[in-house]
Amino acid sequence: MRGLTGAGPLPGPGGTARSQVSRWAVGTATAGFAALALALSACSTGGTGTRDEGPAHASGVTGAAASPSLPAGASPRVDAVRLVQEDPLVSVAVKRDLRPCNGDEYPVDVSYGELTGGSVDDVVINVLTCGDTVGVGSYVYRREGGRYENVFRIEEPPVYAEIDRGDLLVTKQVYDAGDPVTDPSGEDVITYRWTTDRFVARHHWHNDYGTTARGGEPAPVPESN
């Protein structure tokens, strides 16, 4: 199952590479996540990466007005929770699970940066689970015609999307048969680049946990027609 829009087809398995990401969700998985992972599939993954701008939890930016000190081209802070809840492209399951974890603290990470060459920064939103911080959905919004449009989405937990030097970096943890949910075998990492009106996969590599020291270069992915 592939839950992507606004992107070319996912590449097949690529070469290995030095690990660029941390195992941010592995050590804290709980029985609740176990049920989620088993229900979705054994190929689920999760991720991290290098952000152009660090994420801010939505509760800290919801409803915030544009700051007069923002640099040229920067995006005013958005109401990330409302943006996801009102987006018809976001699944009912993700919307149903997007609830406050503590008071008005929503499990959402938000990053701003240049991905699509628009006049203002694009917005990357990751919806997480409470406590475990497992990514259940990742989305990219581009400002078009005075509103934010969903130009990329992936809803295959555990998943995490980030901005990496102008590219979109998506990381997903991989489980082999018999792997406990707290100990995935590795991770798939895919980089996407914006081309005119959509994201296209450019590179794909796989890291095996415990063997990534062998290194290797990311394998290029042919562009789709």
C-alpha atoms as a PDB file:
ATOM      1  CA  MET A   1       0.000   0.000   0.000  1.00  0.00           C
ATOM      2  CA  ARG A   2       1.332   3.442  -0.951  1.00  0.00           C
ATOM      3  CA  GLY A   3      -0.252   6.548   0.521  1.00  0.00           C
ATOM      4  CA  LEU A   4       1.379   9.212  -1.647  1.00  0.00           C
ATOM      5  CA  THR A   5      -0.019  12.108  -3.633  1.00  0.00           C
ATOM      6  CA  GLY A   6       1.787  14.837  -5.483  1.00  0.00           C
ATOM      7  CA  ALA A   7       4.791  12.558  -6.011  1.00  0.00           C
ATOM      8  CA  GLY A   8       6.174  10.215  -8.606  1.00  0.00           C
ATOM      9  CA  PRO A   9       6.169   6.467  -8.017  1.00  0.00           C
ATOM     10  CA  LEU A  10       8.265   5.219  -5.142  1.00  0.00           C
ATOM     11  CA  PRO A  11      11.538   3.585  -6.186  1.00  0.00           C
ATOM     12  CA  GLY A  12      12.448   0.044  -5.363  1.00  0.00           C
ATOM     13  CA  PRO A  13      15.138  -0.895  -2.840  1.00  0.00           C
ATOM     14  CA  GLY A  14      18.341   1.070  -3.285  1.00  0.00           C
ATOM     15  CA  GLY A  15      21.890   0.886  -1.997  1.00  0.00           C
ATOM     16  CA  THR A  16      22.978   1.406   1.570  1.00  0.00           C
ATOM     17  CA  ALA A  17      24.279   4.698   2.935  1.00  0.00           C
ATOM     18  CA  ARG A  18      25.733   6.060   6.115  1.00  0.00           C
ATOM     19  CA  SER A  19      22.937   6.586   8.570  1.00  0.00           C
ATOM     20  CA  GLN A  20      21.822  10.215   8.533  1.00  0.00           C
ATOM     21  CA  VAL A  21      18.881   9.775  10.827  1.00  0.00           C
ATOM     22  CA  SER A  22      18.229   8.878  14.435  1.00  0.00           C
ATOM     23  CA  ARG A  23      16.034   6.103  15.768  1.00  0.00           C
ATOM     24  CA  TRP A  24      13.741   8.627  17.353  1.00  0.00           C
ATOM     25  CA  ALA A  25      10.704   6.411  17.969  1.00  0.00           C
ATOM     26  CA  VAL A  26      12.227   2.991  18.547  1.00  0.00           C
ATOM     27  CA  GLY A  27      13.026   3.049  22.260  1.00  0.00           C
ATOM     28  CA  THR A  28       9.701   4.477  23.366  1.00  0.00           C
ATOM     29  CA  ALA A  29       7.177   2.306  21.509  1.00  0.00           C
ATOM     30  CA  THR A  30       4.387   0.923  23.656  1.00  0.00           C
ATOM     31  CA  ALA A  31       1.762  -1.784  23.410  1.00  0.00           C
ATOM     32  CA  GLY A  32      -0.590   0.739  21.790  1.00  0.00           C
ATOM     33  CA  PHE A  33       1.887   1.314  18.981  1.00  0.00           C
ATOM     34  CA  ALA A  34       2.372  -2.431  18.647  1.00  0.00           C
ATOM     35  CA  ALA A  35      -1.283  -2.824  17.785  1.00  0.00           C
ATOM     36  CA  LEU A  36      -1.023   0.034  15.301  1.00  0.00           C
ATOM     37  CA  ALA A  37       2.076  -1.356  13.610  1.00  0.00           C
ATOM     38  CA  LEU A  38       0.664  -4.866  13.311  1.00  0.00           C
ATOM     39  CA  ALA A  39      -2.591  -3.563  11.891  1.00  0.00           C
ATOM     40  CA  LEU A  40      -0.856  -1.547   9.206  1.00  0.00           C
ATOM     41  CA  SER A  41       1.935  -3.818   7.934  1.00  0.00           C
ATOM     42  CA  ALA A  42       5.346  -5.235   8.609  1.00  0.00           C
ATOM     43  CA  CYS A  43       6.881  -2.808   6.134  1.00  0.00           C
ATOM     44  CA  SER A  44       6.100   0.235   8.243  1.00  0.00           C
ATOM     45  CA  THR A  45       8.910   2.695   8.841  1.00  0.00           C
ATOM     46  CA  GLY A  46       9.699   5.887  10.708  1.00  0.00           C
ATOM     47  CA  GLY A  47      12.269   8.601  10.541  1.00  0.00           C
ATOM     48  CA  THR A  48      14.218  11.685  11.216  1.00  0.00           C
ATOM     49  CA  GLY A  49      16.661  13.812   9.276  1.00  0.00           C
ATOM     50  CA  THR A  50      18.168  17.284   9.024  1.00  0.00           C
ATOM     51  CA  ARG A  51      15.729  20.173   9.202  1.00  0.00           C
ATOM     52  CA  ASP A  52      16.284  23.569   7.563  1.00  0.00           C
ATOM     53  CA  GLU A  53      14.198  24.889  10.428  1.00  0.00           C
ATOM     54  CA  GLY A  54      13.445  22.851  13.506  1.00  0.00           C
ATOM     55  CA  PRO A  55       9.876  21.728  14.112  1.00  0.00           C
ATOM     56  CA  ALA A  56       7.598  23.552  16.479  1.00  0.00           C
ATOM     57  CA  HIS A  57       4.680  21.831  18.176  1.00  0.00           C
ATOM     58  CA  ALA A  58       1.416  23.150  16.783  1.00  0.00           C
ATOM     59  CA  SER A  59       0.192  24.297  20.168  1.00  0.00           C
ATOM     60  CA  GLY A  60       2.975  26.856  20.161  1.00  0.00           C
ATOM     61  CA  VAL A  61       2.093  28.312  16.760  1.00  0.00           C
ATOM     62  CA  THR A  62      -1.646  27.788  16.379  1.00  0.00           C
ATOM     63  CA  GLY A  63      -3.386  30.982  15.386  1.00  0.00           C
ATOM     64  CA  ALA A  64      -0.195  33.041  15.535  1.00  0.00           C
ATOM     65  CA  ALA A  65      -0.095  36.163  13.380  1.00  0.00           C
ATOM     66  CA  ALA A  66       2.725  36.950  10.984  1.00  0.00           C
ATOM     67  CA  SER A  67       5.698  38.512  12.733  1.00  0.00           C
ATOM     68  CA  PRO A  68       6.956  41.866  11.376  1.00  0.00           C
ATOM     69  CA  SER A  69      10.507  40.592  11.858  1.00  0.00           C
ATOM     70  CA  LEU A  70      10.116  37.609   9.510  1.00  0.00           C
ATOM     71  CA  PRO A  71      12.697  37.602   6.700  1.00  0.00           C
ATOM     72  CA  ALA A  72      11.600  38.169   3.114  1.00  0.00           C
ATOM     73  CA  GLY A  73       9.847  35.100   1.704  1.00  0.00           C
ATOM     74  CA  ALA A  74       9.269  33.551   5.116  1.00  0.00           C
ATOM     75  CA  SER A  75       5.879  32.103   5.892  1.00  0.00           C
ATOM     76  CA  PRO A  76       3.622  33.354   8.671  1.00  0.00           C
ATOM     77  CA  ARG A  77       3.010  30.671  11.254  1.00  0.00           C
ATOM     78  CA  VAL A  78      -0.034  28.550  10.466  1.00  0.00           C
ATOM     79  CA  ASP A  79      -2.714  26.843  12.521  1.00  0.00           C
ATOM     80  CA  ALA A  80      -1.361  23.381  11.716  1.00  0.00           C
ATOM     81  CA  VAL A  81      -4.093  21.439  13.513  1.00  0.00           C
ATOM     82  CA  ARG A  82      -6.871  23.294  11.723  1.00  0.00           C
ATOM     83  CA  LEU A  83      -5.055  22.969   8.399  1.00  0.00           C
ATOM     84  CA  VAL A  84      -4.899  19.176   8.755  1.00  0.00           C
ATOM     85  CA  GLN A  85      -8.425  18.803  10.126  1.00  0.00           C
ATOM     86  CA  GLU A  86      -9.953  20.808   7.276  1.00  0.00           C
ATOM     87  CA  ASP A  87      -7.898  19.137   4.536  1.00  0.00           C
ATOM     88  CA  PRO A  88     -10.069  16.724   2.486  1.00  0.00           C
ATOM     89  CA  LEU A  89      -6.925  14.823   1.422  1.00  0.00           C
ATOM     90  CA  VAL A  90      -6.070  13.823   4.997  1.00  0.00           C
ATOM     91  CA  SER A  91      -7.505  10.450   5.981  1.00  0.00           C
ATOM     92  CA  VAL A  92     -10.376  10.124   8.432  1.00  0.00           C
ATOM     93  CA  ALA A  93      -8.178   7.922  10.657  1.00  0.00           C
ATOM     94  CA  VAL A  94      -5.501  10.602  11.052  1.00  0.00           C
ATOM     95  CA  LYS A  95      -8.082  13.288  11.759  1.00  0.00           C
ATOM     96  CA  ARG A  96      -9.792  11.093  14.319  1.00  0.00           C
ATOM     97  CA  ASP A  97      -6.534  10.469  16.164  1.00  0.00           C
ATOM     98  CA  LEU A  98      -5.405  14.110  16.081  1.00  0.00           C
ATOM     99  CA  ARG A  99      -6.410  15.044  19.621  1.00  0.00           C
ATOM    100  CA  PRO A 100      -4.650  16.961  22.415  1.00  0.00           C
ATOM    101  CA  CYS A 101      -2.196  14.874  24.431  1.00  0.00           C
ATOM    102  CA  ASN A 102      -2.006  17.221  27.400  1.00  0.00           C
ATOM    103  CA  GLY A 103      -4.227  20.254  27.755  1.00  0.00           C
ATOM    104  CA  ASP A 104      -4.072  22.003  24.386  1.00  0.00           C
ATOM    105  CA  GLU A 105      -0.807  20.320  23.327  1.00  0.00           C
ATOM    106  CA  TYR A 106      -1.376  18.548  20.006  1.00  0.00           C
ATOM    107  CA  PRO A 107       1.065  15.874  18.765  1.00  0.00           C
ATOM    108  CA  VAL A 108       2.127  17.816  15.679  1.00  0.00           C
ATOM    109  CA  ASP A 109       5.547  18.907  14.420  1.00  0.00           C
ATOM    110  CA  VAL A 110       5.672  21.844  11.998  1.00  0.00           C
ATOM    111  CA  SER A 111       8.612  22.981   9.866  1.00  0.00           C
ATOM    112  CA  TYR A 112       8.888  25.936   7.468  1.00  0.00           C
ATOM    113  CA  GLY A 113      11.260  26.192   4.526  1.00  0.00           C
ATOM    114  CA  GLU A 114      11.710  26.487   0.786  1.00  0.00           C
ATOM    115  CA  LEU A 115      10.702  23.355  -1.094  1.00  0.00           C
ATOM    116  CA  THR A 116       8.553  24.385  -4.071  1.00  0.00           C
ATOM    117  CA  GLY A 117      10.012  27.767  -5.048  1.00  0.00           C
ATOM    118  CA  GLY A 118       6.924  29.693  -3.967  1.00  0.00           C
ATOM    119  CA  SER A 119       6.826  33.287  -2.790  1.00  0.00           C
ATOM    120  CA  VAL A 120       6.660  32.206   0.863  1.00  0.00           C
ATOM    121  CA  ASP A 121       7.997  29.218   2.775  1.00  0.00           C
ATOM    122  CA  ASP A 122       6.290  25.876   2.410  1.00  0.00           C
ATOM    123  CA  VAL A 123       4.914  24.097   5.488  1.00  0.00           C
ATOM    124  CA  VAL A 124       5.778  20.513   6.450  1.00  0.00           C
ATOM    125  CA  ILE A 125       3.470  18.961   9.045  1.00  0.00           C
ATOM    126  CA  ASN A 126       4.020  15.633  10.804  1.00  0.00           C
ATOM    127  CA  VAL A 127       1.156  14.178  12.841  1.00  0.00           C
ATOM    128  CA  LEU A 128       2.445  11.988  15.689  1.00  0.00           C
ATOM    129  CA  THR A 129       1.058   9.719  18.372  1.00  0.00           C
ATOM    130  CA  CYS A 130       0.949  10.965  21.949  1.00  0.00           C
ATOM    131  CA  GLY A 131       3.727   9.693  24.194  1.00  0.00           C
ATOM    132  CA  ASP A 132       5.454   7.517  21.588  1.00  0.00           C
ATOM    133  CA  THR A 133       5.873  10.343  19.023  1.00  0.00           C
ATOM    134  CA  VAL A 134       5.369   7.868  16.200  1.00  0.00           C
ATOM    135  CA  GLY A 135       4.629   9.577  12.898  1.00  0.00           C
ATOM    136  CA  VAL A 136       1.259   8.573  11.445  1.00  0.00           C
ATOM    137  CA  GLY A 137       1.075  11.116   8.621  1.00  0.00           C
ATOM    138  CA  SER A 138       3.320  13.630   6.862  1.00  0.00           C
ATOM    139  CA  TYR A 139       2.140  16.495   4.656  1.00  0.00           C
ATOM    140  CA  VAL A 140       3.547  19.401   2.631  1.00  0.00           C
ATOM    141  CA  TYR A 141       1.502  22.562   2.067  1.00  0.00           C
ATOM    142  CA  ARG A 142       2.277  25.174  -0.572  1.00  0.00           C
ATOM    143  CA  ARG A 143       0.833  28.677  -0.534  1.00  0.00           C
ATOM    144  CA  GLU A 144      -1.238  29.176  -3.679  1.00  0.00           C
ATOM    145  CA  GLY A 145      -3.819  31.837  -4.418  1.00  0.00           C
ATOM    146  CA  GLY A 146      -3.978  33.058  -0.839  1.00  0.00           C
ATOM    147  CA  ARG A 147      -4.456  29.599   0.710  1.00  0.00           C
ATOM    148  CA  TYR A 148      -2.389  26.534   1.534  1.00  0.00           C
ATOM    149  CA  GLU A 149      -2.723  23.560  -0.803  1.00  0.00           C
ATOM    150  CA  ASN A 150      -1.719  19.982   0.043  1.00  0.00           C
ATOM    151  CA  VAL A 151       0.952  19.021  -2.516  1.00  0.00           C
ATOM    152  CA  PHE A 152       2.306  15.877  -0.801  1.00  0.00           C
ATOM    153  CA  ARG A 153       1.049  13.357   1.715  1.00  0.00           C
ATOM    154  CA  ILE A 154       2.098   9.986   3.069  1.00  0.00           C
ATOM    155  CA  GLU A 155       0.120   8.071   5.699  1.00  0.00           C
ATOM    156  CA  GLU A 156       2.054   4.853   6.342  1.00  0.00           C
ATOM    157  CA  PRO A 157       3.161   4.787  10.013  1.00  0.00           C
ATOM    158  CA  PRO A 158       5.730   5.157  11.286  1.00  0.00           C
ATOM    159  CA  VAL A 159       6.870   7.931   8.933  1.00  0.00           C
ATOM    160  CA  TYR A 160       8.519  11.334   9.235  1.00  0.00           C
ATOM    161  CA  ALA A 161       9.162  14.060   6.639  1.00  0.00           C
ATOM    162  CA  GLU A 162      11.691  16.883   6.869  1.00  0.00           C
ATOM    163  CA  ILE A 163      13.334  19.626   4.839  1.00  0.00           C
ATOM    164  CA  ASP A 164      16.899  18.843   3.833  1.00  0.00           C
ATOM    165  CA  ARG A 165      18.695  21.596   1.903  1.00  0.00           C
ATOM    166  CA  GLY A 166      15.723  22.311  -0.334  1.00  0.00           C
ATOM    167  CA  ASP A 167      14.677  18.665  -0.766  1.00  0.00           C
ATOM    168  CA  LEU A 168      11.951  16.744   1.021  1.00  0.00           C
ATOM    169  CA  LEU A 169      13.405  13.882   3.090  1.00  0.00           C
ATOM    170  CA  VAL A 170      11.024  11.047   4.022  1.00  0.00           C
ATOM    171  CA  THR A 171      12.180   8.302   6.414  1.00  0.00           C
ATOM    172  CA  LYS A 172      10.324   5.084   7.194  1.00  0.00           C
ATOM    173  CA  GLN A 173      11.387   2.277   9.516  1.00  0.00           C
ATOM    174  CA  VAL A 174      11.426  -1.262   8.146  1.00  0.00           C
ATOM    175  CA  TYR A 175      10.522  -4.467   9.980  1.00  0.00           C
ATOM    176  CA  ASP A 176      11.600  -7.959   8.961  1.00  0.00           C
ATOM    177  CA  ALA A 177       9.528 -10.991   9.894  1.00  0.00           C
ATOM    178  CA  GLY A 178       9.779 -11.560  13.628  1.00  0.00           C
ATOM    179  CA  ASP A 179      11.038  -8.071  14.499  1.00  0.00           C
ATOM    180  CA  PRO A 180       9.507  -6.646  17.686  1.00  0.00           C
ATOM    181  CA  VAL A 181       7.958  -3.212  17.214  1.00  0.00           C
ATOM    182  CA  THR A 182      10.658  -1.747  19.472  1.00  0.00           C
ATOM    183  CA  ASP A 183      13.483  -3.018  17.268  1.00  0.00           C
ATOM    184  CA  PRO A 184      13.080  -2.497  13.505  1.00  0.00           C
ATOM    185  CA  SER A 185      15.705  -3.948  11.218  1.00  0.00           C
ATOM    186  CA  GLY A 186      16.406  -0.743   9.366  1.00  0.00           C
ATOM    187  CA  GLU A 187      14.973   2.213   7.546  1.00  0.00           C
ATOM    188  CA  ASP A 188      14.201   3.400   4.028  1.00  0.00           C
ATOM    189  CA  VAL A 189      15.056   7.006   3.185  1.00  0.00           C
ATOM    190  CA  ILE A 190      13.713   8.755   0.097  1.00  0.00           C
ATOM    191  CA  THR A 191      14.465  12.281  -1.102  1.00  0.00           C
ATOM    192  CA  TYR A 192      11.986  14.168  -3.252  1.00  0.00           C
ATOM    193  CA  ARG A 193      12.487  17.317  -5.310  1.00  0.00           C
ATOM    194  CA  TRP A 194       9.816  19.689  -6.573  1.00  0.00           C
ATOM    195  CA  THR A 195       9.482  19.744 -10.374  1.00  0.00           C
ATOM    196  CA  THR A 196       6.996  22.315 -11.717  1.00  0.00           C
ATOM    197  CA  ASP A 197       3.841  20.995 -10.056  1.00  0.00           C
ATOM    198  CA  ARG A 198       4.707  17.925  -7.977  1.00  0.00           C
ATOM    199  CA  PHE A 199       7.381  16.124  -5.976  1.00  0.00           C
ATOM    200  CA  VAL A 200       9.457  13.504  -7.786  1.00  0.00           C
ATOM    201  CA  ALA A 201      11.576  10.852  -6.048  1.00  0.00           C
ATOM    202  CA  ARG A 202      15.273  11.469  -6.718  1.00  0.00           C
ATOM    203  CA  HIS A 203      17.222   9.171  -4.391  1.00  0.00           C
ATOM    204  CA  HIS A 204      16.430   6.137  -2.290  1.00  0.00           C
ATOM    205  CA  TRP A 205      18.629   4.264   0.141  1.00  0.00           C
ATOM    206  CA  HIS A 206      18.271   1.736   2.912  1.00  0.00           C
ATOM    207  CA  ASN A 207      20.072   1.620   6.241  1.00  0.00           C
ATOM    208  CA  ASP A 208      20.349  -1.670   8.112  1.00  0.00           C
ATOM    209  CA  TYR A 209      20.633  -0.950  11.815  1.00  0.00           C
ATOM    210  CA  GLY A 210      23.894  -2.355  13.112  1.00  0.00           C
ATOM    211  CA  THR A 211      25.477  -2.600   9.668  1.00  0.00           C
ATOM    212  CA  THR A 212      25.268   0.984   8.413  1.00  0.00           C
ATOM    213  CA  ALA A 213      28.957   1.566   9.164  1.00  0.00           C
ATOM    214  CA  ARG A 214      29.711  -0.167   5.862  1.00  0.00           C
ATOM    215  CA  GLY A 215      28.405   2.968   4.214  1.00  0.00           C
ATOM    216  CA  GLY A 216      27.573   3.500   0.562  1.00  0.00           C
ATOM    217  CA  GLU A 217      26.142   6.194  -1.653  1.00  0.00           C
ATOM    218  CA  PRO A 218      22.423   6.795  -2.245  1.00  0.00           C
ATOM    219  CA  ALA A 219      21.224   5.205  -5.460  1.00  0.00           C
ATOM    220  CA  PRO A 220      19.707   7.669  -7.964  1.00  0.00           C
ATOM    221  CA  VAL A 221      16.066   7.145  -8.873  1.00  0.00           C
ATOM    222  CA  PRO A 222      15.009   7.589 -12.502  1.00  0.00           C
ATOM    223  CA  GLU A 223      12.503  10.398 -12.935  1.00  0.00           C
ATOM    224  CA  SER A 224       9.025   9.349 -13.931  1.00  0.00           C
ATOM    225  CA  ASN A 225       7.621  10.451 -17.254  1.00  0.00           C
END
